Amino acid sequence: MTFLAIDIGNTRLKWSLYAEPRPGTQLLAHGAEFLENIDKLAEGAWRNLAAPTRMLGCIVAGDAVKRRVHEQMEIWDVVPQWVVASAAEAGITNGYDHPTRLGADRWVAMIGARQRILRAGPARPMVVVMVGTAVTVEAIDTEGKFLGGLILPGHGIMLRALESGTAGLHVPTGEVKLFPTNTSDALTSGGTYAIAGAVERMVQHVRAHCHAEPACIMTGGAGWKMAPSMSVPFELVDNLIFDGLLEMAQRRYAADSALT
């Protein structure tokens, strides 16, 4: 029973084909495309791919992009399924005011992080950070309850906002410095430390609320940019959303089998 996991963010579509829908299974193939190129998947990266038996995806890019992906998947006899956040699933309880309005990527990443912690040892509180086009910083207690989270702009959005809103300010590429002495470094350092500060503040909140030191797990395409500037211990995980999709798929399909 091969399984296709798809993660569609604001910039790219990432996919992985696994031997089975369960954590730890064999990865058979994987790839990524910018959203403007996804109409070429059926004739490109997916053309000679073994047809998946099951599929589960996570999307934040909107219905128009989802329809384009469905068109590319018509080469296979597989029913597309997409994650919508719920009140509880796979060890996480959703504390959002309106649970279904929580972004699917945030929900799936928290599920992946929770299972990662449980496989490594006893349960503990967590701060889950995704660094991409936008940045999210989530708080989860020891029992797996999502307490709430922060959303802030990623590096690119911050810099473009400054460029468009500030006369004469152009955004070249700078470096992160302790004491920036030019505009390029000041911009890059400011954005980086803003994200690092948000993570540090959330770690403080979770530590005080749970009376325990939280595990901090970071993921996202721009996570590596943050690594040298973090002020709290953390683990950088490349494919946290795929970890979450595999966990959700295993539980969902086991439940379906039990019903039949």
C-alpha atoms as a PDB file:
ATOM      1  CA  MET A   1       0.000   0.000   0.000  1.00  0.00           C
ATOM      2  CA  THR A   2       2.111   2.916  -1.249  1.00  0.00           C
ATOM      3  CA  PHE A   3       1.378   6.317   0.227  1.00  0.00           C
ATOM      4  CA  LEU A   4       1.809   9.796  -1.259  1.00  0.00           C
ATOM      5  CA  ALA A   5       2.239  12.712   1.165  1.00  0.00           C
ATOM      6  CA  ILE A   6       1.943  16.261  -0.170  1.00  0.00           C
ATOM      7  CA  ASP A   7       2.792  19.522   1.597  1.00  0.00           C
ATOM      8  CA  ILE A   8       1.729  22.687  -0.243  1.00  0.00           C
ATOM      9  CA  GLY A   9       2.906  25.925   1.292  1.00  0.00           C
ATOM     10  CA  ASN A  10       2.733  29.485   0.059  1.00  0.00           C
ATOM     11  CA  THR A  11       5.719  29.050  -2.254  1.00  0.00           C
ATOM     12  CA  ARG A  12       6.371  25.374  -2.998  1.00  0.00           C
ATOM     13  CA  LEU A  13       4.751  21.954  -3.271  1.00  0.00           C
ATOM     14  CA  LYS A  14       6.761  19.177  -1.654  1.00  0.00           C
ATOM     15  CA  TRP A  15       5.882  15.502  -2.095  1.00  0.00           C
ATOM     16  CA  SER A  16       7.126  12.152  -0.848  1.00  0.00           C
ATOM     17  CA  LEU A  17       6.129   8.635  -1.874  1.00  0.00           C
ATOM     18  CA  TYR A  18       6.407   6.015   0.866  1.00  0.00           C
ATOM     19  CA  ALA A  19       6.174   2.228   0.854  1.00  0.00           C
ATOM     20  CA  GLU A  20       3.435   2.330   3.514  1.00  0.00           C
ATOM     21  CA  PRO A  21       1.343   4.921   5.376  1.00  0.00           C
ATOM     22  CA  ARG A  22       3.179   4.685   8.697  1.00  0.00           C
ATOM     23  CA  PRO A  23       6.061   6.439  10.459  1.00  0.00           C
ATOM     24  CA  GLY A  24       9.491   4.973   9.776  1.00  0.00           C
ATOM     25  CA  THR A  25       8.526   3.391   6.473  1.00  0.00           C
ATOM     26  CA  GLN A  26      10.759   3.373   3.396  1.00  0.00           C
ATOM     27  CA  LEU A  27      10.935   6.569   1.336  1.00  0.00           C
ATOM     28  CA  LEU A  28      10.622   5.597  -2.337  1.00  0.00           C
ATOM     29  CA  ALA A  29      10.801   8.992  -4.054  1.00  0.00           C
ATOM     30  CA  HIS A  30      10.437  12.682  -3.272  1.00  0.00           C
ATOM     31  CA  GLY A  31      10.622  16.100  -4.871  1.00  0.00           C
ATOM     32  CA  ALA A  32       9.583  19.746  -4.744  1.00  0.00           C
ATOM     33  CA  GLU A  33       8.192  22.280  -7.212  1.00  0.00           C
ATOM     34  CA  PHE A  34       7.507  25.984  -7.018  1.00  0.00           C
ATOM     35  CA  LEU A  35       3.763  26.620  -7.277  1.00  0.00           C
ATOM     36  CA  GLU A  36       4.080  28.173 -10.723  1.00  0.00           C
ATOM     37  CA  ASN A  37       5.436  24.843 -12.023  1.00  0.00           C
ATOM     38  CA  ILE A  38       2.966  22.347 -10.533  1.00  0.00           C
ATOM     39  CA  ASP A  39       1.020  22.047 -13.807  1.00  0.00           C
ATOM     40  CA  LYS A  40       4.016  20.113 -15.174  1.00  0.00           C
ATOM     41  CA  LEU A  41       4.046  17.404 -12.496  1.00  0.00           C
ATOM     42  CA  ALA A  42       2.032  14.780 -14.414  1.00  0.00           C
ATOM     43  CA  GLU A  43       4.356  14.996 -17.416  1.00  0.00           C
ATOM     44  CA  GLY A  44       7.469  15.543 -15.324  1.00  0.00           C
ATOM     45  CA  ALA A  45       8.372  14.269 -11.870  1.00  0.00           C
ATOM     46  CA  TRP A  46       5.225  12.133 -11.494  1.00  0.00           C
ATOM     47  CA  ARG A  47       5.224  10.651 -15.001  1.00  0.00           C
ATOM     48  CA  ASN A  48       7.081   7.437 -14.168  1.00  0.00           C
ATOM     49  CA  LEU A  49       6.168   7.340 -10.483  1.00  0.00           C
ATOM     50  CA  ALA A  50       4.509   4.167  -9.223  1.00  0.00           C
ATOM     51  CA  ALA A  51       0.823   4.909  -8.666  1.00  0.00           C
ATOM     52  CA  PRO A  52       0.131   5.550  -4.971  1.00  0.00           C
ATOM     53  CA  THR A  53      -2.612   3.566  -3.253  1.00  0.00           C
ATOM     54  CA  ARG A  54      -3.391   6.280  -0.701  1.00  0.00           C
ATOM     55  CA  MET A  55      -2.783  10.013  -0.503  1.00  0.00           C
ATOM     56  CA  LEU A  56      -2.971  12.606   2.267  1.00  0.00           C
ATOM     57  CA  GLY A  57      -1.998  16.219   1.856  1.00  0.00           C
ATOM     58  CA  CYS A  58      -1.613  19.457   3.736  1.00  0.00           C
ATOM     59  CA  ILE A  59      -2.315  22.722   1.910  1.00  0.00           C
ATOM     60  CA  VAL A  60      -2.345  26.405   2.856  1.00  0.00           C
ATOM     61  CA  ALA A  61      -2.159  27.845  -0.673  1.00  0.00           C
ATOM     62  CA  GLY A  62      -5.924  27.859  -1.384  1.00  0.00           C
ATOM     63  CA  ASP A  63      -8.536  26.029  -3.450  1.00  0.00           C
ATOM     64  CA  ALA A  64      -7.250  27.164  -6.839  1.00  0.00           C
ATOM     65  CA  VAL A  65      -3.891  25.510  -6.220  1.00  0.00           C
ATOM     66  CA  LYS A  66      -5.622  22.409  -4.857  1.00  0.00           C
ATOM     67  CA  ARG A  67      -7.636  22.067  -8.082  1.00  0.00           C
ATOM     68  CA  ARG A  68      -4.456  22.277 -10.136  1.00  0.00           C
ATOM     69  CA  VAL A  69      -2.917  19.483  -8.063  1.00  0.00           C
ATOM     70  CA  HIS A  70      -6.039  17.348  -8.486  1.00  0.00           C
ATOM     71  CA  GLU A  71      -5.682  17.720 -12.259  1.00  0.00           C
ATOM     72  CA  GLN A  72      -2.100  16.453 -12.084  1.00  0.00           C
ATOM     73  CA  MET A  73      -3.199  13.471  -9.981  1.00  0.00           C
ATOM     74  CA  GLU A  74      -5.684  12.289 -12.605  1.00  0.00           C
ATOM     75  CA  ILE A  75      -2.927  10.023 -13.975  1.00  0.00           C
ATOM     76  CA  TRP A  76      -3.572   7.771 -10.963  1.00  0.00           C
ATOM     77  CA  ASP A  77      -6.622   6.032  -9.540  1.00  0.00           C
ATOM     78  CA  VAL A  78      -6.276   7.564  -6.076  1.00  0.00           C
ATOM     79  CA  VAL A  79      -8.698   9.690  -4.059  1.00  0.00           C
ATOM     80  CA  PRO A  80      -7.094  12.957  -2.862  1.00  0.00           C
ATOM     81  CA  GLN A  81      -7.564  13.595   0.850  1.00  0.00           C
ATOM     82  CA  TRP A  82      -6.599  16.840   2.565  1.00  0.00           C
ATOM     83  CA  VAL A  83      -6.103  17.588   6.239  1.00  0.00           C
ATOM     84  CA  VAL A  84      -8.481  19.928   8.033  1.00  0.00           C
ATOM     85  CA  ALA A  85      -7.729  20.707  11.657  1.00  0.00           C
ATOM     86  CA  SER A  86     -10.162  19.155  14.125  1.00  0.00           C
ATOM     87  CA  ALA A  87     -10.851  19.202  17.862  1.00  0.00           C
ATOM     88  CA  ALA A  88      -8.377  16.365  18.450  1.00  0.00           C
ATOM     89  CA  GLU A  89      -6.294  13.910  16.452  1.00  0.00           C
ATOM     90  CA  ALA A  90      -3.202  11.723  16.827  1.00  0.00           C
ATOM     91  CA  GLY A  91      -2.362  12.816  20.351  1.00  0.00           C
ATOM     92  CA  ILE A  92      -2.977  16.567  19.993  1.00  0.00           C
ATOM     93  CA  THR A  93      -5.999  18.401  21.428  1.00  0.00           C
ATOM     94  CA  ASN A  94      -6.838  21.628  19.633  1.00  0.00           C
ATOM     95  CA  GLY A  95      -7.192  24.639  21.925  1.00  0.00           C
ATOM     96  CA  TYR A  96      -7.965  27.100  19.129  1.00  0.00           C
ATOM     97  CA  ASP A  97     -11.155  29.163  19.596  1.00  0.00           C
ATOM     98  CA  HIS A  98     -12.444  27.733  16.298  1.00  0.00           C
ATOM     99  CA  PRO A  99     -10.485  24.480  15.797  1.00  0.00           C
ATOM    100  CA  THR A 100     -11.194  24.068  12.079  1.00  0.00           C
ATOM    101  CA  ARG A 101      -9.767  27.531  11.370  1.00  0.00           C
ATOM    102  CA  LEU A 102      -6.306  26.505  12.494  1.00  0.00           C
ATOM    103  CA  GLY A 103      -3.951  26.197   9.519  1.00  0.00           C
ATOM    104  CA  ALA A 104      -3.533  22.623   8.342  1.00  0.00           C
ATOM    105  CA  ASP A 105       0.249  22.972   8.225  1.00  0.00           C
ATOM    106  CA  ARG A 106       0.378  24.086  11.846  1.00  0.00           C
ATOM    107  CA  TRP A 107      -1.862  21.196  12.921  1.00  0.00           C
ATOM    108  CA  VAL A 108       0.115  18.553  11.054  1.00  0.00           C
ATOM    109  CA  ALA A 109       3.475  19.889  12.264  1.00  0.00           C
ATOM    110  CA  MET A 110       2.321  19.743  15.893  1.00  0.00           C
ATOM    111  CA  ILE A 111       1.192  16.136  15.445  1.00  0.00           C
ATOM    112  CA  GLY A 112       4.545  15.226  13.905  1.00  0.00           C
ATOM    113  CA  ALA A 113       6.432  16.947  16.721  1.00  0.00           C
ATOM    114  CA  ARG A 114       4.360  15.295  19.455  1.00  0.00           C
ATOM    115  CA  GLN A 115       5.013  11.807  18.096  1.00  0.00           C
ATOM    116  CA  ARG A 116       8.691  12.596  17.661  1.00  0.00           C
ATOM    117  CA  ILE A 117       8.961  13.532  21.339  1.00  0.00           C
ATOM    118  CA  LEU A 118       7.040  10.438  22.477  1.00  0.00           C
ATOM    119  CA  ARG A 119       9.265   8.130  20.431  1.00  0.00           C
ATOM    120  CA  ALA A 120      12.361   9.657  22.036  1.00  0.00           C
ATOM    121  CA  GLY A 121      11.216   9.458  25.651  1.00  0.00           C
ATOM    122  CA  PRO A 122       8.552  10.634  28.104  1.00  0.00           C
ATOM    123  CA  ALA A 123       6.003  13.305  27.197  1.00  0.00           C
ATOM    124  CA  ARG A 124       7.054  16.911  27.717  1.00  0.00           C
ATOM    125  CA  PRO A 125       5.782  20.340  26.683  1.00  0.00           C
ATOM    126  CA  MET A 126       6.832  21.643  23.275  1.00  0.00           C
ATOM    127  CA  VAL A 127       7.377  24.782  21.250  1.00  0.00           C
ATOM    128  CA  VAL A 128       7.031  24.030  17.536  1.00  0.00           C
ATOM    129  CA  VAL A 129       8.453  26.590  15.115  1.00  0.00           C
ATOM    130  CA  MET A 130       7.913  26.704  11.341  1.00  0.00           C
ATOM    131  CA  VAL A 131      10.047  29.178   9.424  1.00  0.00           C
ATOM    132  CA  GLY A 132       8.837  29.786   5.901  1.00  0.00           C
ATOM    133  CA  THR A 133       7.039  32.556   4.038  1.00  0.00           C
ATOM    134  CA  ALA A 134       5.363  33.153   7.386  1.00  0.00           C
ATOM    135  CA  VAL A 135       6.628  32.045  10.787  1.00  0.00           C
ATOM    136  CA  THR A 136       4.504  30.205  13.341  1.00  0.00           C
ATOM    137  CA  VAL A 137       5.444  29.473  16.952  1.00  0.00           C
ATOM    138  CA  GLU A 138       3.158  26.949  18.691  1.00  0.00           C
ATOM    139  CA  ALA A 139       2.828  26.012  22.368  1.00  0.00           C
ATOM    140  CA  ILE A 140       1.800  22.476  23.393  1.00  0.00           C
ATOM    141  CA  ASP A 141       1.602  21.240  26.986  1.00  0.00           C
ATOM    142  CA  THR A 142       2.782  17.898  28.378  1.00  0.00           C
ATOM    143  CA  GLU A 143      -0.604  16.244  27.767  1.00  0.00           C
ATOM    144  CA  GLY A 144      -0.615  17.279  24.107  1.00  0.00           C
ATOM    145  CA  LYS A 145      -2.975  20.256  24.328  1.00  0.00           C
ATOM    146  CA  PHE A 146      -2.283  23.023  21.835  1.00  0.00           C
ATOM    147  CA  LEU A 147      -2.333  26.113  24.037  1.00  0.00           C
ATOM    148  CA  GLY A 148      -2.038  28.707  21.274  1.00  0.00           C
ATOM    149  CA  GLY A 149       0.538  30.136  18.924  1.00  0.00           C
ATOM    150  CA  LEU A 150       2.105  33.150  17.266  1.00  0.00           C
ATOM    151  CA  ILE A 151       2.127  34.123  13.594  1.00  0.00           C
ATOM    152  CA  LEU A 152       4.641  36.626  12.276  1.00  0.00           C
ATOM    153  CA  PRO A 153       6.102  37.486   8.878  1.00  0.00           C
ATOM    154  CA  GLY A 154       9.055  35.561   7.546  1.00  0.00           C
ATOM    155  CA  HIS A 155      12.311  37.161   6.472  1.00  0.00           C
ATOM    156  CA  GLY A 156      11.173  37.961   2.950  1.00  0.00           C
ATOM    157  CA  ILE A 157       7.898  39.596   3.955  1.00  0.00           C
ATOM    158  CA  MET A 158       9.611  41.701   6.613  1.00  0.00           C
ATOM    159  CA  LEU A 159      12.189  42.998   4.160  1.00  0.00           C
ATOM    160  CA  ARG A 160       9.688  43.687   1.382  1.00  0.00           C
ATOM    161  CA  ALA A 161       7.441  45.554   3.818  1.00  0.00           C
ATOM    162  CA  LEU A 162      10.330  47.781   4.858  1.00  0.00           C
ATOM    163  CA  GLU A 163      11.332  48.369   1.264  1.00  0.00           C
ATOM    164  CA  SER A 164       7.812  49.357   0.180  1.00  0.00           C
ATOM    165  CA  GLY A 165       7.030  51.431   3.260  1.00  0.00           C
ATOM    166  CA  THR A 166      10.278  53.313   3.761  1.00  0.00           C
ATOM    167  CA  ALA A 167      11.474  55.970   1.322  1.00  0.00           C
ATOM    168  CA  GLY A 168      14.896  55.301  -0.166  1.00  0.00           C
ATOM    169  CA  LEU A 169      15.367  51.976   1.617  1.00  0.00           C
ATOM    170  CA  HIS A 170      16.415  49.151  -0.673  1.00  0.00           C
ATOM    171  CA  VAL A 171      16.869  45.609   0.545  1.00  0.00           C
ATOM    172  CA  PRO A 172      20.170  43.977  -0.458  1.00  0.00           C
ATOM    173  CA  THR A 173      21.363  40.744   1.111  1.00  0.00           C
ATOM    174  CA  GLY A 174      23.064  41.260   4.446  1.00  0.00           C
ATOM    175  CA  GLU A 175      24.495  39.162   7.249  1.00  0.00           C
ATOM    176  CA  VAL A 176      23.387  38.631  10.829  1.00  0.00           C
ATOM    177  CA  LYS A 177      25.631  40.637  13.116  1.00  0.00           C
ATOM    178  CA  LEU A 178      25.608  41.363  16.839  1.00  0.00           C
ATOM    179  CA  PHE A 179      26.105  45.071  16.139  1.00  0.00           C
ATOM    180  CA  PRO A 180      25.227  45.820  12.497  1.00  0.00           C
ATOM    181  CA  THR A 181      27.061  48.803  11.024  1.00  0.00           C
ATOM    182  CA  ASN A 182      25.410  48.971   7.598  1.00  0.00           C
ATOM    183  CA  THR A 183      21.826  48.946   6.375  1.00  0.00           C
ATOM    184  CA  SER A 184      21.989  45.504   4.757  1.00  0.00           C
ATOM    185  CA  ASP A 185      23.208  43.822   7.926  1.00  0.00           C
ATOM    186  CA  ALA A 186      20.802  45.869  10.057  1.00  0.00           C
ATOM    187  CA  LEU A 187      17.814  44.627   8.039  1.00  0.00           C
ATOM    188  CA  THR A 188      18.873  40.989   8.007  1.00  0.00           C
ATOM    189  CA  SER A 189      19.804  41.023  11.686  1.00  0.00           C
ATOM    190  CA  GLY A 190      16.578  42.762  12.693  1.00  0.00           C
ATOM    191  CA  GLY A 191      14.369  40.181  10.966  1.00  0.00           C
ATOM    192  CA  THR A 192      16.367  37.252  12.305  1.00  0.00           C
ATOM    193  CA  TYR A 193      16.371  38.491  15.898  1.00  0.00           C
ATOM    194  CA  ALA A 194      12.649  39.300  15.720  1.00  0.00           C
ATOM    195  CA  ILE A 195      11.917  35.638  14.942  1.00  0.00           C
ATOM    196  CA  ALA A 196      14.415  34.367  17.517  1.00  0.00           C
ATOM    197  CA  GLY A 197      12.891  36.684  20.127  1.00  0.00           C
ATOM    198  CA  ALA A 198       9.378  35.399  19.442  1.00  0.00           C
ATOM    199  CA  VAL A 199      10.579  31.826  19.949  1.00  0.00           C
ATOM    200  CA  GLU A 200      12.403  32.735  23.152  1.00  0.00           C
ATOM    201  CA  ARG A 201       9.317  34.481  24.548  1.00  0.00           C
ATOM    202  CA  MET A 202       7.099  31.476  23.782  1.00  0.00           C
ATOM    203  CA  VAL A 203       9.584  29.126  25.451  1.00  0.00           C
ATOM    204  CA  GLN A 204       9.393  31.341  28.546  1.00  0.00           C
ATOM    205  CA  HIS A 205       5.573  31.250  28.475  1.00  0.00           C
ATOM    206  CA  VAL A 206       5.438  27.458  28.150  1.00  0.00           C
ATOM    207  CA  ARG A 207       8.076  26.945  30.842  1.00  0.00           C
ATOM    208  CA  ALA A 208       6.095  29.086  33.292  1.00  0.00           C
ATOM    209  CA  HIS A 209       2.726  27.539  32.368  1.00  0.00           C
ATOM    210  CA  CYS A 210       3.826  23.896  32.450  1.00  0.00           C
ATOM    211  CA  HIS A 211       6.499  24.145  35.150  1.00  0.00           C
ATOM    212  CA  ALA A 212       8.804  22.151  32.896  1.00  0.00           C
ATOM    213  CA  GLU A 213      11.413  22.850  30.247  1.00  0.00           C
ATOM    214  CA  PRO A 214       9.820  22.571  26.797  1.00  0.00           C
ATOM    215  CA  ALA A 215      11.398  20.852  23.835  1.00  0.00           C
ATOM    216  CA  CYS A 216      11.833  23.308  20.952  1.00  0.00           C
ATOM    217  CA  ILE A 217      11.473  21.809  17.470  1.00  0.00           C
ATOM    218  CA  MET A 218      12.054  23.903  14.352  1.00  0.00           C
ATOM    219  CA  THR A 219      11.171  23.121  10.746  1.00  0.00           C
ATOM    220  CA  GLY A 220      10.501  24.912   7.474  1.00  0.00           C
ATOM    221  CA  GLY A 221      12.446  25.830   4.374  1.00  0.00           C
ATOM    222  CA  ALA A 222      14.181  28.760   6.067  1.00  0.00           C
ATOM    223  CA  GLY A 223      14.829  27.043   9.384  1.00  0.00           C
ATOM    224  CA  TRP A 224      18.526  26.655   8.644  1.00  0.00           C
ATOM    225  CA  LYS A 225      18.855  30.452   8.395  1.00  0.00           C
ATOM    226  CA  MET A 226      17.708  30.776  12.000  1.00  0.00           C
ATOM    227  CA  ALA A 227      19.904  28.055  13.466  1.00  0.00           C
ATOM    228  CA  PRO A 228      23.031  30.156  14.205  1.00  0.00           C
ATOM    229  CA  SER A 229      20.984  32.916  15.865  1.00  0.00           C
ATOM    230  CA  MET A 230      18.779  30.933  18.231  1.00  0.00           C
ATOM    231  CA  SER A 231      19.105  31.685  21.939  1.00  0.00           C
ATOM    232  CA  VAL A 232      17.323  28.541  23.187  1.00  0.00           C
ATOM    233  CA  PRO A 233      18.212  24.866  22.603  1.00  0.00           C
ATOM    234  CA  PHE A 234      16.290  23.415  19.651  1.00  0.00           C
ATOM    235  CA  GLU A 235      16.159  20.523  17.189  1.00  0.00           C
ATOM    236  CA  LEU A 236      16.006  21.286  13.465  1.00  0.00           C
ATOM    237  CA  VAL A 237      13.790  18.750  11.637  1.00  0.00           C
ATOM    238  CA  ASP A 238      13.581  18.804   7.832  1.00  0.00           C
ATOM    239  CA  ASN A 239      10.318  16.952   7.216  1.00  0.00           C
ATOM    240  CA  LEU A 240       8.143  17.515  10.270  1.00  0.00           C
ATOM    241  CA  ILE A 241       4.957  17.886   8.211  1.00  0.00           C
ATOM    242  CA  PHE A 242       5.625  14.584   6.441  1.00  0.00           C
ATOM    243  CA  ASP A 243       6.169  12.979   9.862  1.00  0.00           C
ATOM    244  CA  GLY A 244       2.762  14.296  10.882  1.00  0.00           C
ATOM    245  CA  LEU A 245       1.061  13.118   7.688  1.00  0.00           C
ATOM    246  CA  LEU A 246       2.468   9.611   8.120  1.00  0.00           C
ATOM    247  CA  GLU A 247       1.208   9.441  11.709  1.00  0.00           C
ATOM    248  CA  MET A 248      -2.241  10.710  10.742  1.00  0.00           C
ATOM    249  CA  ALA A 249      -2.459   8.349   7.774  1.00  0.00           C
ATOM    250  CA  GLN A 250      -1.569   5.311   9.866  1.00  0.00           C
ATOM    251  CA  ARG A 251      -4.267   6.098  12.422  1.00  0.00           C
ATOM    252  CA  ARG A 252      -6.923   7.017   9.852  1.00  0.00           C
ATOM    253  CA  TYR A 253      -6.437   3.938   7.727  1.00  0.00           C
ATOM    254  CA  ALA A 254      -6.319   1.674  10.786  1.00  0.00           C
ATOM    255  CA  ALA A 255      -9.663   3.160  11.871  1.00  0.00           C
ATOM    256  CA  ASP A 256     -11.104   2.618   8.378  1.00  0.00           C
ATOM    257  CA  SER A 257      -9.982  -1.017   8.423  1.00  0.00           C
ATOM    258  CA  ALA A 258     -11.560  -1.556  11.826  1.00  0.00           C
ATOM    259  CA  LEU A 259     -14.895  -0.249  10.526  1.00  0.00           C
ATOM    260  CA  THR A 260     -14.849  -2.597   7.550  1.00  0.00           C
END
